[in-house]
Amino acid sequence: MWRADRTPRRWTRHHRKASTTCGCSSGKGRHQGGGVAYVVATALRVAQGPATVALTTAAGLIQPVVMDADCNAVQLAAIVLATAAGSVTASHVNDSGFWLVGRFFNMDVKTTLKTWTVRETTIGLSAFGLASLLFVIA
């Protein structure tokens, strides 16, 4: 953050908010720290298509929330995993990987949606479940 005089503001522990969207230091107990990251990455994946774009854009969008939270290293890793899980969820027709797999295995769109999209969504949800478990344990 920059102040009006363009000098960098030093962030220390006492400058952080006591309650954040992430919930790492909310004082009200822990909740899904990676939930916001997963939802943002999944929404971007559905809207834009490519997993790489969804992952990097979601990381940029949730970065201020994560920086304001008082998360330990394991919780940060869980948030990264949740973001990655959201970026592979729900691959469909606006994703180049969808077409690559469909054409490589000689499948029509309906069959590719039934197989590839369901498989990618299962992988994303499973990874999010493991990331949530890791966040809670940490």
C-alpha atoms as a PDB file:
ATOM      1  CA  MET A   1       0.000   0.000   0.000  1.00  0.00           C
ATOM      2  CA  TRP A   2       1.140   3.530  -0.712  1.00  0.00           C
ATOM      3  CA  ARG A   3       0.286   6.609   1.238  1.00  0.00           C
ATOM      4  CA  ALA A   4      -0.440   9.963  -0.404  1.00  0.00           C
ATOM      5  CA  ASP A   5       3.203  10.997  -0.100  1.00  0.00           C
ATOM      6  CA  ARG A   6       4.224   7.833  -2.034  1.00  0.00           C
ATOM      7  CA  THR A   7       6.267   6.338   0.761  1.00  0.00           C
ATOM      8  CA  PRO A   8       5.737   2.646   1.379  1.00  0.00           C
ATOM      9  CA  ARG A   9       3.675   1.748   4.401  1.00  0.00           C
ATOM     10  CA  ARG A  10       5.286  -0.835   6.616  1.00  0.00           C
ATOM     11  CA  TRP A  11       2.926  -3.602   7.551  1.00  0.00           C
ATOM     12  CA  THR A  12       3.417  -5.139  10.926  1.00  0.00           C
ATOM     13  CA  ARG A  13       1.316  -7.554  12.914  1.00  0.00           C
ATOM     14  CA  HIS A  14      -0.551  -4.812  14.798  1.00  0.00           C
ATOM     15  CA  HIS A  15      -1.612  -3.145  11.516  1.00  0.00           C
ATOM     16  CA  ARG A  16      -3.537  -6.197  10.390  1.00  0.00           C
ATOM     17  CA  LYS A  17      -7.255  -6.294  10.865  1.00  0.00           C
ATOM     18  CA  ALA A  18      -8.603  -8.416  13.687  1.00  0.00           C
ATOM     19  CA  SER A  19     -11.257  -9.930  11.443  1.00  0.00           C
ATOM     20  CA  THR A  20     -10.798 -10.845   7.802  1.00  0.00           C
ATOM     21  CA  THR A  21     -12.726 -12.665   5.150  1.00  0.00           C
ATOM     22  CA  CYS A  22     -10.191 -15.476   5.273  1.00  0.00           C
ATOM     23  CA  GLY A  23     -10.855 -16.103   8.930  1.00  0.00           C
ATOM     24  CA  CYS A  24      -7.331 -17.125   9.882  1.00  0.00           C
ATOM     25  CA  SER A  25      -7.173 -14.597  12.706  1.00  0.00           C
ATOM     26  CA  SER A  26     -10.838 -13.842  13.198  1.00  0.00           C
ATOM     27  CA  GLY A  27     -10.930 -14.788  16.839  1.00  0.00           C
ATOM     28  CA  LYS A  28     -14.246 -16.487  16.137  1.00  0.00           C
ATOM     29  CA  GLY A  29     -12.649 -19.807  15.296  1.00  0.00           C
ATOM     30  CA  ARG A  30     -11.363 -21.087  12.007  1.00  0.00           C
ATOM     31  CA  HIS A  31     -13.510 -21.605   8.964  1.00  0.00           C
ATOM     32  CA  GLN A  32     -12.791 -22.393   5.332  1.00  0.00           C
ATOM     33  CA  GLY A  33      -9.822 -20.194   4.566  1.00  0.00           C
ATOM     34  CA  GLY A  34      -9.527 -21.568   1.067  1.00  0.00           C
ATOM     35  CA  GLY A  35     -13.263 -21.421   0.406  1.00  0.00           C
ATOM     36  CA  VAL A  36     -13.102 -17.924  -1.021  1.00  0.00           C
ATOM     37  CA  ALA A  37     -10.106 -18.887  -3.158  1.00  0.00           C
ATOM     38  CA  TYR A  38     -11.869 -21.992  -4.466  1.00  0.00           C
ATOM     39  CA  VAL A  39     -15.075 -20.149  -5.366  1.00  0.00           C
ATOM     40  CA  VAL A  40     -13.220 -17.310  -7.105  1.00  0.00           C
ATOM     41  CA  ALA A  41     -11.029 -19.703  -9.102  1.00  0.00           C
ATOM     42  CA  THR A  42     -14.009 -21.882 -10.068  1.00  0.00           C
ATOM     43  CA  ALA A  43     -16.042 -18.865 -11.193  1.00  0.00           C
ATOM     44  CA  LEU A  44     -13.149 -17.657 -13.319  1.00  0.00           C
ATOM     45  CA  ARG A  45     -12.652 -21.139 -14.755  1.00  0.00           C
ATOM     46  CA  VAL A  46     -16.293 -21.376 -15.807  1.00  0.00           C
ATOM     47  CA  ALA A  47     -16.321 -17.842 -17.208  1.00  0.00           C
ATOM     48  CA  GLN A  48     -12.965 -17.815 -19.003  1.00  0.00           C
ATOM     49  CA  GLY A  49     -11.974 -21.416 -19.647  1.00  0.00           C
ATOM     50  CA  PRO A  50      -8.217 -21.948 -19.276  1.00  0.00           C
ATOM     51  CA  ALA A  51      -7.059 -23.241 -15.897  1.00  0.00           C
ATOM     52  CA  THR A  52      -3.870 -21.185 -16.000  1.00  0.00           C
ATOM     53  CA  VAL A  53      -5.796 -17.946 -16.456  1.00  0.00           C
ATOM     54  CA  ALA A  54      -8.249 -18.874 -13.699  1.00  0.00           C
ATOM     55  CA  LEU A  55      -5.421 -19.747 -11.299  1.00  0.00           C
ATOM     56  CA  THR A  56      -3.318 -16.645 -11.830  1.00  0.00           C
ATOM     57  CA  THR A  57      -6.295 -14.264 -11.874  1.00  0.00           C
ATOM     58  CA  ALA A  58      -7.801 -15.795  -8.725  1.00  0.00           C
ATOM     59  CA  ALA A  59      -4.438 -15.566  -6.970  1.00  0.00           C
ATOM     60  CA  GLY A  60      -4.247 -11.861  -7.781  1.00  0.00           C
ATOM     61  CA  LEU A  61      -7.807 -11.248  -6.610  1.00  0.00           C
ATOM     62  CA  ILE A  62      -7.503 -13.034  -3.265  1.00  0.00           C
ATOM     63  CA  GLN A  63      -3.997 -11.798  -2.473  1.00  0.00           C
ATOM     64  CA  PRO A  64      -5.146  -8.768  -0.408  1.00  0.00           C
ATOM     65  CA  VAL A  65      -7.403 -10.953   1.728  1.00  0.00           C
ATOM     66  CA  VAL A  66      -4.638 -13.466   2.345  1.00  0.00           C
ATOM     67  CA  MET A  67      -2.103 -10.733   3.140  1.00  0.00           C
ATOM     68  CA  ASP A  68      -4.440  -9.220   5.760  1.00  0.00           C
ATOM     69  CA  ALA A  69      -5.003 -12.583   7.428  1.00  0.00           C
ATOM     70  CA  ASP A  70      -2.648 -14.007   9.992  1.00  0.00           C
ATOM     71  CA  CYS A  71      -2.175 -17.414   8.394  1.00  0.00           C
ATOM     72  CA  ASN A  72       0.665 -19.791   9.153  1.00  0.00           C
ATOM     73  CA  ALA A  73       2.681 -21.476   6.384  1.00  0.00           C
ATOM     74  CA  VAL A  74       0.520 -24.603   6.279  1.00  0.00           C
ATOM     75  CA  GLN A  75      -2.672 -22.533   6.018  1.00  0.00           C
ATOM     76  CA  LEU A  76      -1.139 -20.534   3.168  1.00  0.00           C
ATOM     77  CA  ALA A  77      -0.271 -23.783   1.395  1.00  0.00           C
ATOM     78  CA  ALA A  78      -3.869 -24.951   1.878  1.00  0.00           C
ATOM     79  CA  ILE A  79      -5.172 -21.719   0.340  1.00  0.00           C
ATOM     80  CA  VAL A  80      -2.859 -22.207  -2.641  1.00  0.00           C
ATOM     81  CA  LEU A  81      -4.123 -25.781  -3.043  1.00  0.00           C
ATOM     82  CA  ALA A  82      -7.741 -24.621  -2.828  1.00  0.00           C
ATOM     83  CA  THR A  83      -7.073 -22.024  -5.530  1.00  0.00           C
ATOM     84  CA  ALA A  84      -5.490 -24.658  -7.753  1.00  0.00           C
ATOM     85  CA  ALA A  85      -8.427 -27.006  -7.112  1.00  0.00           C
ATOM     86  CA  GLY A  86     -10.877 -24.334  -8.213  1.00  0.00           C
ATOM     87  CA  SER A  87      -8.886 -23.709 -11.368  1.00  0.00           C
ATOM     88  CA  VAL A  88      -9.356 -27.297 -12.605  1.00  0.00           C
ATOM     89  CA  THR A  89     -13.041 -27.594 -11.670  1.00  0.00           C
ATOM     90  CA  ALA A  90     -15.729 -27.627 -14.394  1.00  0.00           C
ATOM     91  CA  SER A  91     -13.799 -27.823 -17.639  1.00  0.00           C
ATOM     92  CA  HIS A  92     -16.233 -27.312 -20.517  1.00  0.00           C
ATOM     93  CA  VAL A  93     -16.478 -26.041 -24.098  1.00  0.00           C
ATOM     94  CA  ASN A  94     -14.560 -22.791 -23.563  1.00  0.00           C
ATOM     95  CA  ASP A  95     -11.441 -24.694 -22.449  1.00  0.00           C
ATOM     96  CA  SER A  96      -8.848 -25.843 -24.984  1.00  0.00           C
ATOM     97  CA  GLY A  97      -8.132 -28.963 -22.891  1.00  0.00           C
ATOM     98  CA  PHE A  98     -11.769 -29.993 -23.297  1.00  0.00           C
ATOM     99  CA  TRP A  99     -11.431 -29.959 -27.070  1.00  0.00           C
ATOM    100  CA  LEU A 100      -8.007 -31.586 -27.024  1.00  0.00           C
ATOM    101  CA  VAL A 101      -9.254 -34.547 -24.990  1.00  0.00           C
ATOM    102  CA  GLY A 102     -12.504 -34.793 -26.941  1.00  0.00           C
ATOM    103  CA  ARG A 103     -10.787 -34.865 -30.316  1.00  0.00           C
ATOM    104  CA  PHE A 104      -7.916 -37.109 -29.192  1.00  0.00           C
ATOM    105  CA  PHE A 105     -10.334 -39.769 -27.942  1.00  0.00           C
ATOM    106  CA  ASN A 106     -12.754 -39.172 -30.838  1.00  0.00           C
ATOM    107  CA  MET A 107     -15.659 -38.180 -28.552  1.00  0.00           C
ATOM    108  CA  ASP A 108     -18.563 -35.903 -29.341  1.00  0.00           C
ATOM    109  CA  VAL A 109     -19.312 -32.879 -27.128  1.00  0.00           C
ATOM    110  CA  LYS A 110     -21.948 -34.678 -25.063  1.00  0.00           C
ATOM    111  CA  THR A 111     -19.629 -37.587 -24.260  1.00  0.00           C
ATOM    112  CA  THR A 112     -16.749 -35.240 -23.442  1.00  0.00           C
ATOM    113  CA  LEU A 113     -18.989 -33.319 -21.052  1.00  0.00           C
ATOM    114  CA  LYS A 114     -20.034 -36.586 -19.383  1.00  0.00           C
ATOM    115  CA  THR A 115     -16.479 -37.845 -18.976  1.00  0.00           C
ATOM    116  CA  TRP A 116     -13.891 -35.063 -19.005  1.00  0.00           C
ATOM    117  CA  THR A 117     -15.949 -32.390 -17.253  1.00  0.00           C
ATOM    118  CA  VAL A 118     -17.146 -34.786 -14.548  1.00  0.00           C
ATOM    119  CA  ARG A 119     -13.608 -36.100 -14.030  1.00  0.00           C
ATOM    120  CA  GLU A 120     -12.099 -32.613 -13.751  1.00  0.00           C
ATOM    121  CA  THR A 121     -14.844 -31.507 -11.358  1.00  0.00           C
ATOM    122  CA  THR A 122     -14.297 -34.597  -9.208  1.00  0.00           C
ATOM    123  CA  ILE A 123     -10.572 -33.870  -9.070  1.00  0.00           C
ATOM    124  CA  GLY A 124     -11.213 -30.224  -8.140  1.00  0.00           C
ATOM    125  CA  LEU A 125     -13.723 -31.058  -5.403  1.00  0.00           C
ATOM    126  CA  SER A 126     -11.489 -33.780  -3.969  1.00  0.00           C
ATOM    127  CA  ALA A 127      -8.498 -31.455  -3.892  1.00  0.00           C
ATOM    128  CA  PHE A 128     -10.597 -28.733  -2.264  1.00  0.00           C
ATOM    129  CA  GLY A 129     -11.743 -31.203   0.400  1.00  0.00           C
ATOM    130  CA  LEU A 130      -8.143 -32.158   1.158  1.00  0.00           C
ATOM    131  CA  ALA A 131      -7.062 -28.500   1.203  1.00  0.00           C
ATOM    132  CA  SER A 132      -9.907 -27.650   3.612  1.00  0.00           C
ATOM    133  CA  LEU A 133      -8.900 -30.536   5.860  1.00  0.00           C
ATOM    134  CA  LEU A 134      -5.283 -29.370   5.798  1.00  0.00           C
ATOM    135  CA  PHE A 135      -6.370 -25.810   6.648  1.00  0.00           C
ATOM    136  CA  VAL A 136      -8.438 -26.970   9.625  1.00  0.00           C
ATOM    137  CA  ILE A 137      -5.667 -29.227  10.965  1.00  0.00           C
ATOM    138  CA  ALA A 138      -3.005 -26.503  10.700  1.00  0.00           C
END
